[in-house]
Amino acid sequence: MSLGSGGVALAILTLALSSHALPWGKKNKGPEPFDLSALEADRGAITEAFTKLERGKGLKGSKKVFIPSFQVEYIVKSSASAGAYSYSSKGSTRTASFFELSGLENERARAVTDRLYQKLVSDLEAKGFEVVPIEELEKHEAWVRLKERGAVEPSLEKSRLEPKAGESLVVAPSGMAVYYTQSDPKIGLKRALGNVGKMNKGENAQTYEGALMEVLEADMIKARFVIGFTQIKTKGGWRDSSEVSASMQFAVAPRTTEIQLIRKFKKYKAPFAKKQVYEPQVRKATKVHLTQGLFGGDPFVTAINDITPTAGKVVEGAANAMSILGAMSRMGGGTSMSKTRKYAVVIDPDAHEQSTERYVGAVIDMFMQRFESGP
């Protein structure tokens, strides 16, 4: 199977419970790969199609900026389930699949994140901005305290950004930390409750961001890029079979992949301490985000291993990456059946790193174009 003019083979896997066997020739094509050459040829039109600018007039009015938060989030666990009920047999089925990314190394993830961060810095400087370097930020107490609120090493945690994602590896550039503020959609209930007390004492992450905005006399840029590895489809409801199918395809997620430019902050005294509280005006920030997923076309999967406790076998390798695989059972009259499978998706680290740099780099290019061109 191939997609687009590049003839790229995608790893495809299907898990089904059915009273009618699915044909082995049935295809489950993933989305069309993003054309990097087309972006170079017509940057304006493609940027218009893939991005949206919310609020403000882009980069106009800013001259000096600092970047306290630059995150690349790799989704490493995804899952889906489907249920079906058959009128004819009066039976039901339930199918569930769990996918885990295998082969993503922390050092590689940090290295490519460093390069993407430097690309954003270079792009801003090329447009005439002064970007405060990390070495300068380290001289300020607010920066030290901000880093203490996060994790300097790649952080494996439950994903709150993508509904079908179980866990993500979140990576910051060298010298930065992965942290979350009260306005961040990824903060979660536990962090939010913990932050309330810190806010009242003037010790939360937002306060240190605002303090840096004041002492540096600079606007703040925050960037996040969310990367997936599988596109999952489900079928169920009032039909004879339930089905979960997945195409292994590199993707940069829409909506949650974004860059924010925050220009204003408020400050007041903490209610339970004598410290100054700073509150960056995130709701008034200029933000650009992807409006649709950006899918890679380069093969990066070398094998899909069935690691279900009762299975534990290789079900797909690079040599037959185009094939459709199935695990099927015939459903008898009035019978309820379920089937669960767990898979390890093994990647080629070099290919995955190359895709990250190429496609996230393309997103940064489009974001900068959108920021510059305005609404």
Foldseek 3Di string as FASTA:
>chain_A
DAADPVGFFWFKEKEKAFQDDDDQPDDDDDDHADDPVVCVVCVPVVLVVWKDKDFDFFCPPFAEEEEQAAKEKEQFKFKDKAKAAEPVQREIEIEIEIEGEPDADQVLVQVLQQVLVVLLVVLCVVVRHHYDDLVNVVVDPLSVLLQVQFAQGFDWDQFQPDPRGGIITMHHHHSHGDHDFCPDSRCDDVNNVVVVVCQLAQRTNQQSVQVCCVVVVHKYKHWYWYKYFKDWDWDYYHDRMTMIMIIGWIKTAWPVGKMKIFNDWDWDARNVYRDIGIHTPRVNIIMMITPHMRIHRHDWFAFKFWVDVVGGGTDDGPVPSNTYDYDYDNDHRSYYYYDYTYIYTYTDNVRVSVRCNSPVVSVSVSSSVDSVNGD
